[in-house]
Amino acid sequence: MESIKFRTNIKCGGCIATVTPFLNEAVGENNWQVDLQSPEKVLTIHTGDKTKEATVIQKLQEAGYKAETVS
């Protein structure tokens, strides 16, 4: 299974609590994680479906956050 990585402005546990319902809806529970230790706050989506990229970015925007695909 491939992963898609995004740079985000998710900064803390409170931010994760806010985005959880949006990301669970977009990619499913337990299919994503945010590395809060990384300076770029990398969100990793565990899916082989590249069409999810736009959906993830849209859902994060709905939650009030930004995401940019890491190439």
PDB file of N, CA and C in Angstrom:
ATOM      1  N   MET A   1       0.849  -1.185   0.000  1.00  0.00           N
ATOM      2  CA  MET A   1       0.000   0.000   0.000  1.00  0.00           C
ATOM      3  C   MET A   1       0.890   1.242   0.000  1.00  0.00           C
ATOM      4  N   GLU A   2       0.554   2.168  -0.846  1.00  0.00           N
ATOM      5  CA  GLU A   2       1.318   3.402  -0.941  1.00  0.00           C
ATOM      6  C   GLU A   2       0.799   4.430   0.050  1.00  0.00           C
ATOM      7  N   SER A   3       1.631   5.423   0.306  1.00  0.00           N
ATOM      8  CA  SER A   3       1.248   6.520   1.184  1.00  0.00           C
ATOM      9  C   SER A   3       1.334   7.826   0.422  1.00  0.00           C
ATOM     10  N   ILE A   4       0.479   8.753   0.788  1.00  0.00           N
ATOM     11  CA  ILE A   4       0.506  10.111   0.249  1.00  0.00           C
ATOM     12  C   ILE A   4       0.853  11.015   1.423  1.00  0.00           C
ATOM     13  N   LYS A   5       1.804  11.929   1.216  1.00  0.00           N
ATOM     14  CA  LYS A   5       2.231  12.821   2.288  1.00  0.00           C
ATOM     15  C   LYS A   5       1.889  14.265   1.947  1.00  0.00           C
ATOM     16  N   PHE A   6       1.498  15.004   2.984  1.00  0.00           N
ATOM     17  CA  PHE A   6       1.124  16.410   2.851  1.00  0.00           C
ATOM     18  C   PHE A   6       1.827  17.233   3.921  1.00  0.00           C
ATOM     19  N   ARG A   7       2.280  18.434   3.566  1.00  0.00           N
ATOM     20  CA  ARG A   7       2.703  19.420   4.556  1.00  0.00           C
ATOM     21  C   ARG A   7       1.438  20.104   5.044  1.00  0.00           C
ATOM     22  N   THR A   8       1.324  20.297   6.353  1.00  0.00           N
ATOM     23  CA  THR A   8       0.105  20.898   6.900  1.00  0.00           C
ATOM     24  C   THR A   8       0.430  21.982   7.910  1.00  0.00           C
ATOM     25  N   ASN A   9      -0.594  22.665   8.366  1.00  0.00           N
ATOM     26  CA  ASN A   9      -0.451  23.610   9.473  1.00  0.00           C
ATOM     27  C   ASN A   9      -1.157  23.066  10.722  1.00  0.00           C
ATOM     28  N   ILE A  10      -1.263  21.753  10.820  1.00  0.00           N
ATOM     29  CA  ILE A  10      -1.787  21.082  12.009  1.00  0.00           C
ATOM     30  C   ILE A  10      -0.660  21.090  13.040  1.00  0.00           C
ATOM     31  N   LYS A  11      -0.901  21.715  14.206  1.00  0.00           N
ATOM     32  CA  LYS A  11       0.200  21.963  15.130  1.00  0.00           C
ATOM     33  C   LYS A  11       0.148  21.199  16.443  1.00  0.00           C
ATOM     34  N   CYS A  12      -1.031  20.710  16.850  1.00  0.00           N
ATOM     35  CA  CYS A  12      -1.140  20.156  18.205  1.00  0.00           C
ATOM     36  C   CYS A  12      -2.250  19.110  18.279  1.00  0.00           C
ATOM     37  N   GLY A  13      -2.384  18.539  19.448  1.00  0.00           N
ATOM     38  CA  GLY A  13      -3.434  17.551  19.667  1.00  0.00           C
ATOM     39  C   GLY A  13      -4.828  18.111  19.468  1.00  0.00           C
ATOM     40  N   GLY A  14      -5.014  19.382  19.824  1.00  0.00           N
ATOM     41  CA  GLY A  14      -6.309  20.023  19.609  1.00  0.00           C
ATOM     42  C   GLY A  14      -6.637  20.133  18.128  1.00  0.00           C
ATOM     43  N   CYS A  15      -5.618  20.440  17.337  1.00  0.00           N
ATOM     44  CA  CYS A  15      -5.805  20.507  15.882  1.00  0.00           C
ATOM     45  C   CYS A  15      -6.189  19.131  15.338  1.00  0.00           C
ATOM     46  N   ILE A  16      -5.523  18.111  15.834  1.00  0.00           N
ATOM     47  CA  ILE A  16      -5.822  16.751  15.389  1.00  0.00           C
ATOM     48  C   ILE A  16      -7.262  16.380  15.745  1.00  0.00           C
ATOM     49  N   ALA A  17      -7.696  16.765  16.941  1.00  0.00           N
ATOM     50  CA  ALA A  17      -9.078  16.500  17.336  1.00  0.00           C
ATOM     51  C   ALA A  17     -10.059  17.177  16.379  1.00  0.00           C
ATOM     52  N   THR A  18      -9.714  18.376  15.909  1.00  0.00           N
ATOM     53  CA  THR A  18     -10.579  19.102  14.978  1.00  0.00           C
ATOM     54  C   THR A  18     -10.647  18.418  13.626  1.00  0.00           C
ATOM     55  N   VAL A  19      -9.506  17.962  13.104  1.00  0.00           N
ATOM     56  CA  VAL A  19      -9.492  17.386  11.752  1.00  0.00           C
ATOM     57  C   VAL A  19      -9.908  15.921  11.711  1.00  0.00           C
ATOM     58  N   THR A  20      -9.920  15.249  12.855  1.00  0.00           N
ATOM     59  CA  THR A  20     -10.221  13.810  12.876  1.00  0.00           C
ATOM     60  C   THR A  20     -11.513  13.444  12.157  1.00  0.00           C
ATOM     61  N   PRO A  21     -12.652  14.075  12.454  1.00  0.00           N
ATOM     62  CA  PRO A  21     -13.869  13.651  11.737  1.00  0.00           C
ATOM     63  C   PRO A  21     -13.794  13.892  10.230  1.00  0.00           C
ATOM     64  N   PHE A  22     -13.106  14.957   9.824  1.00  0.00           N
ATOM     65  CA  PHE A  22     -12.974  15.263   8.397  1.00  0.00           C
ATOM     66  C   PHE A  22     -12.100  14.225   7.693  1.00  0.00           C
ATOM     67  N   LEU A  23     -10.961  13.882   8.306  1.00  0.00           N
ATOM     68  CA  LEU A  23     -10.065  12.906   7.683  1.00  0.00           C
ATOM     69  C   LEU A  23     -10.647  11.496   7.746  1.00  0.00           C
ATOM     70  N   ASN A  24     -11.326  11.169   8.834  1.00  0.00           N
ATOM     71  CA  ASN A  24     -11.962   9.846   8.904  1.00  0.00           C
ATOM     72  C   ASN A  24     -13.004   9.692   7.810  1.00  0.00           C
ATOM     73  N   GLU A  25     -13.728  10.772   7.527  1.00  0.00           N
ATOM     74  CA  GLU A  25     -14.726  10.729   6.450  1.00  0.00           C
ATOM     75  C   GLU A  25     -14.046  10.580   5.092  1.00  0.00           C
ATOM     76  N   ALA A  26     -12.920  11.266   4.903  1.00  0.00           N
ATOM     77  CA  ALA A  26     -12.247  11.264   3.604  1.00  0.00           C
ATOM     78  C   ALA A  26     -11.520   9.957   3.320  1.00  0.00           C
ATOM     79  N   VAL A  27     -10.803   9.420   4.308  1.00  0.00           N
ATOM     80  CA  VAL A  27      -9.942   8.267   4.041  1.00  0.00           C
ATOM     81  C   VAL A  27     -10.159   7.089   4.979  1.00  0.00           C
ATOM     82  N   GLY A  28     -11.001   7.257   5.971  1.00  0.00           N
ATOM     83  CA  GLY A  28     -11.281   6.167   6.897  1.00  0.00           C
ATOM     84  C   GLY A  28     -10.436   6.238   8.154  1.00  0.00           C
ATOM     85  N   GLU A  29     -11.018   5.769   9.226  1.00  0.00           N
ATOM     86  CA  GLU A  29     -10.340   5.750  10.518  1.00  0.00           C
ATOM     87  C   GLU A  29      -9.096   4.865  10.449  1.00  0.00           C
ATOM     88  N   ASN A  30      -8.041   5.281  11.101  1.00  0.00           N
ATOM     89  CA  ASN A  30      -6.766   4.551  11.165  1.00  0.00           C
ATOM     90  C   ASN A  30      -6.029   4.494   9.832  1.00  0.00           C
ATOM     91  N   ASN A  31      -6.401   5.324   8.877  1.00  0.00           N
ATOM     92  CA  ASN A  31      -5.702   5.372   7.590  1.00  0.00           C
ATOM     93  C   ASN A  31      -4.886   6.645   7.426  1.00  0.00           C
ATOM     94  N   TRP A  32      -4.649   7.360   8.526  1.00  0.00           N
ATOM     95  CA  TRP A  32      -3.887   8.602   8.448  1.00  0.00           C
ATOM     96  C   TRP A  32      -3.201   8.865   9.781  1.00  0.00           C
ATOM     97  N   GLN A  33      -2.151   9.692   9.711  1.00  0.00           N
ATOM     98  CA  GLN A  33      -1.461  10.122  10.928  1.00  0.00           C
ATOM     99  C   GLN A  33      -0.724  11.418  10.642  1.00  0.00           C
ATOM    100  N   VAL A  34      -0.537  12.222  11.690  1.00  0.00           N
ATOM    101  CA  VAL A  34       0.194  13.477  11.572  1.00  0.00           C
ATOM    102  C   VAL A  34       1.436  13.385  12.448  1.00  0.00           C
ATOM    103  N   ASP A  35       2.586  13.715  11.870  1.00  0.00           N
ATOM    104  CA  ASP A  35       3.840  13.738  12.618  1.00  0.00           C
ATOM    105  C   ASP A  35       4.030  15.138  13.192  1.00  0.00           C
ATOM    106  N   LEU A  36       3.622  15.332  14.436  1.00  0.00           N
ATOM    107  CA  LEU A  36       3.733  16.646  15.073  1.00  0.00           C
ATOM    108  C   LEU A  36       5.175  16.998  15.412  1.00  0.00           C
ATOM    109  N   GLN A  37       6.081  16.022  15.395  1.00  0.00           N
ATOM    110  CA  GLN A  37       7.491  16.278  15.674  1.00  0.00           C
ATOM    111  C   GLN A  37       8.209  16.866  14.463  1.00  0.00           C
ATOM    112  N   SER A  38       7.676  16.639  13.290  1.00  0.00           N
ATOM    113  CA  SER A  38       8.263  17.164  12.054  1.00  0.00           C
ATOM    114  C   SER A  38       7.996  18.659  11.945  1.00  0.00           C
ATOM    115  N   PRO A  39       8.996  19.452  11.542  1.00  0.00           N
ATOM    116  CA  PRO A  39       8.766  20.891  11.365  1.00  0.00           C
ATOM    117  C   PRO A  39       7.685  21.190  10.320  1.00  0.00           C
ATOM    118  N   GLU A  40       7.504  20.287   9.369  1.00  0.00           N
ATOM    119  CA  GLU A  40       6.508  20.486   8.315  1.00  0.00           C
ATOM    120  C   GLU A  40       5.156  19.885   8.685  1.00  0.00           C
ATOM    121  N   LYS A  41       5.048  19.281   9.892  1.00  0.00           N
ATOM    122  CA  LYS A  41       3.786  18.689  10.363  1.00  0.00           C
ATOM    123  C   LYS A  41       3.177  17.790   9.289  1.00  0.00           C
ATOM    124  N   VAL A  42       3.929  16.765   8.908  1.00  0.00           N
ATOM    125  CA  VAL A  42       3.565  15.919   7.782  1.00  0.00           C
ATOM    126  C   VAL A  42       2.389  15.007   8.129  1.00  0.00           C
ATOM    127  N   LEU A  43       1.365  15.083   7.296  1.00  0.00           N
ATOM    128  CA  LEU A  43       0.208  14.208   7.347  1.00  0.00           C
ATOM    129  C   LEU A  43       0.450  13.084   6.349  1.00  0.00           C
ATOM    130  N   THR A  44       0.357  11.849   6.810  1.00  0.00           N
ATOM    131  CA  THR A  44       0.520  10.693   5.938  1.00  0.00           C
ATOM    132  C   THR A  44      -0.817   9.978   5.825  1.00  0.00           C
ATOM    133  N   ILE A  45      -1.236   9.775   4.583  1.00  0.00           N
ATOM    134  CA  ILE A  45      -2.464   9.033   4.290  1.00  0.00           C
ATOM    135  C   ILE A  45      -2.036   7.668   3.774  1.00  0.00           C
ATOM    136  N   HIS A  46      -2.514   6.623   4.408  1.00  0.00           N
ATOM    137  CA  HIS A  46      -2.148   5.256   4.032  1.00  0.00           C
ATOM    138  C   HIS A  46      -3.200   4.711   3.069  1.00  0.00           C
ATOM    139  N   THR A  47      -2.979   4.991   1.807  1.00  0.00           N
ATOM    140  CA  THR A  47      -3.893   4.515   0.776  1.00  0.00           C
ATOM    141  C   THR A  47      -3.155   4.482  -0.549  1.00  0.00           C
ATOM    142  N   GLY A  48      -3.528   3.587  -1.398  1.00  0.00           N
ATOM    143  CA  GLY A  48      -2.941   3.534  -2.723  1.00  0.00           C
ATOM    144  C   GLY A  48      -3.731   4.365  -3.722  1.00  0.00           C
ATOM    145  N   ASP A  49      -4.787   5.020  -3.264  1.00  0.00           N
ATOM    146  CA  ASP A  49      -5.707   5.736  -4.146  1.00  0.00           C
ATOM    147  C   ASP A  49      -5.298   7.202  -4.277  1.00  0.00           C
ATOM    148  N   LYS A  50      -4.637   7.545  -5.366  1.00  0.00           N
ATOM    149  CA  LYS A  50      -4.161   8.913  -5.577  1.00  0.00           C
ATOM    150  C   LYS A  50      -5.298   9.913  -5.739  1.00  0.00           C
ATOM    151  N   THR A  51      -6.492   9.453  -6.073  1.00  0.00           N
ATOM    152  CA  THR A  51      -7.616  10.378  -6.221  1.00  0.00           C
ATOM    153  C   THR A  51      -8.009  10.976  -4.879  1.00  0.00           C
ATOM    154  N   LYS A  52      -7.517  10.417  -3.800  1.00  0.00           N
ATOM    155  CA  LYS A  52      -7.827  10.927  -2.463  1.00  0.00           C
ATOM    156  C   LYS A  52      -7.125  12.253  -2.178  1.00  0.00           C
ATOM    157  N   GLU A  53      -6.076  12.593  -2.925  1.00  0.00           N
ATOM    158  CA  GLU A  53      -5.321  13.821  -2.660  1.00  0.00           C
ATOM    159  C   GLU A  53      -6.215  15.048  -2.609  1.00  0.00           C
ATOM    160  N   ALA A  54      -7.001  15.267  -3.638  1.00  0.00           N
ATOM    161  CA  ALA A  54      -7.878  16.438  -3.700  1.00  0.00           C
ATOM    162  C   ALA A  54      -8.912  16.397  -2.584  1.00  0.00           C
ATOM    163  N   THR A  55      -9.420  15.214  -2.281  1.00  0.00           N
ATOM    164  CA  THR A  55     -10.410  15.070  -1.219  1.00  0.00           C
ATOM    165  C   THR A  55      -9.814  15.443   0.131  1.00  0.00           C
ATOM    166  N   VAL A  56      -8.603  14.978   0.404  1.00  0.00           N
ATOM    167  CA  VAL A  56      -7.935  15.277   1.678  1.00  0.00           C
ATOM    168  C   VAL A  56      -7.704  16.779   1.809  1.00  0.00           C
ATOM    169  N   ILE A  57      -7.196  17.408   0.758  1.00  0.00           N
ATOM    170  CA  ILE A  57      -6.949  18.854   0.792  1.00  0.00           C
ATOM    171  C   ILE A  57      -8.258  19.603   1.025  1.00  0.00           C
ATOM    172  N   GLN A  58      -9.322  19.209   0.342  1.00  0.00           N
ATOM    173  CA  GLN A  58     -10.624  19.852   0.500  1.00  0.00           C
ATOM    174  C   GLN A  58     -11.159  19.687   1.926  1.00  0.00           C
ATOM    175  N   LYS A  59     -11.066  18.483   2.468  1.00  0.00           N
ATOM    176  CA  LYS A  59     -11.583  18.230   3.819  1.00  0.00           C
ATOM    177  C   LYS A  59     -10.796  19.020   4.866  1.00  0.00           C
ATOM    178  N   LEU A  60      -9.490  19.129   4.696  1.00  0.00           N
ATOM    179  CA  LEU A  60      -8.694  19.916   5.638  1.00  0.00           C
ATOM    180  C   LEU A  60      -9.057  21.394   5.544  1.00  0.00           C
ATOM    181  N   GLN A  61      -9.319  21.882   4.333  1.00  0.00           N
ATOM    182  CA  GLN A  61      -9.749  23.274   4.175  1.00  0.00           C
ATOM    183  C   GLN A  61     -11.086  23.501   4.869  1.00  0.00           C
ATOM    184  N   GLU A  62     -11.996  22.533   4.759  1.00  0.00           N
ATOM    185  CA  GLU A  62     -13.294  22.642   5.440  1.00  0.00           C
ATOM    186  C   GLU A  62     -13.102  22.731   6.955  1.00  0.00           C
ATOM    187  N   ALA A  63     -12.066  22.047   7.463  1.00  0.00           N
ATOM    188  CA  ALA A  63     -11.776  22.065   8.897  1.00  0.00           C
ATOM    189  C   ALA A  63     -10.990  23.303   9.312  1.00  0.00           C
ATOM    190  N   GLY A  64     -10.544  24.096   8.325  1.00  0.00           N
ATOM    191  CA  GLY A  64      -9.803  25.316   8.618  1.00  0.00           C
ATOM    192  C   GLY A  64      -8.296  25.175   8.570  1.00  0.00           C
ATOM    193  N   TYR A  65      -7.808  24.147   7.899  1.00  0.00           N
ATOM    194  CA  TYR A  65      -6.373  23.878   7.817  1.00  0.00           C
ATOM    195  C   TYR A  65      -5.923  23.831   6.368  1.00  0.00           C
ATOM    196  N   LYS A  66      -4.605  23.913   6.178  1.00  0.00           N
ATOM    197  CA  LYS A  66      -4.016  23.869   4.854  1.00  0.00           C
ATOM    198  C   LYS A  66      -3.227  22.586   4.684  1.00  0.00           C
ATOM    199  N   ALA A  67      -3.151  22.111   3.448  1.00  0.00           N
ATOM    200  CA  ALA A  67      -2.343  20.942   3.126  1.00  0.00           C
ATOM    201  C   ALA A  67      -1.768  21.127   1.731  1.00  0.00           C
ATOM    202  N   GLU A  68      -0.537  20.676   1.582  1.00  0.00           N
ATOM    203  CA  GLU A  68       0.162  20.755   0.303  1.00  0.00           C
ATOM    204  C   GLU A  68       0.849  19.411   0.097  1.00  0.00           C
ATOM    205  N   THR A  69       0.652  18.805  -1.054  1.00  0.00           N
ATOM    206  CA  THR A  69       1.259  17.504  -1.328  1.00  0.00           C
ATOM    207  C   THR A  69       2.770  17.609  -1.306  1.00  0.00           C
ATOM    208  N   VAL A  70       3.421  16.644  -0.656  1.00  0.00           N
ATOM    209  CA  VAL A  70       4.874  16.555  -0.644  1.00  0.00           C
ATOM    210  C   VAL A  70       5.264  15.639  -1.778  1.00  0.00           C
ATOM    211  N   SER A  71       6.095  16.137  -2.676  1.00  0.00           N
ATOM    212  CA  SER A  71       6.482  15.294  -3.820  1.00  0.00           C
ATOM    213  C   SER A  71       7.805  14.613  -3.609  1.00  0.00           C
TER     214      SER A  71
END
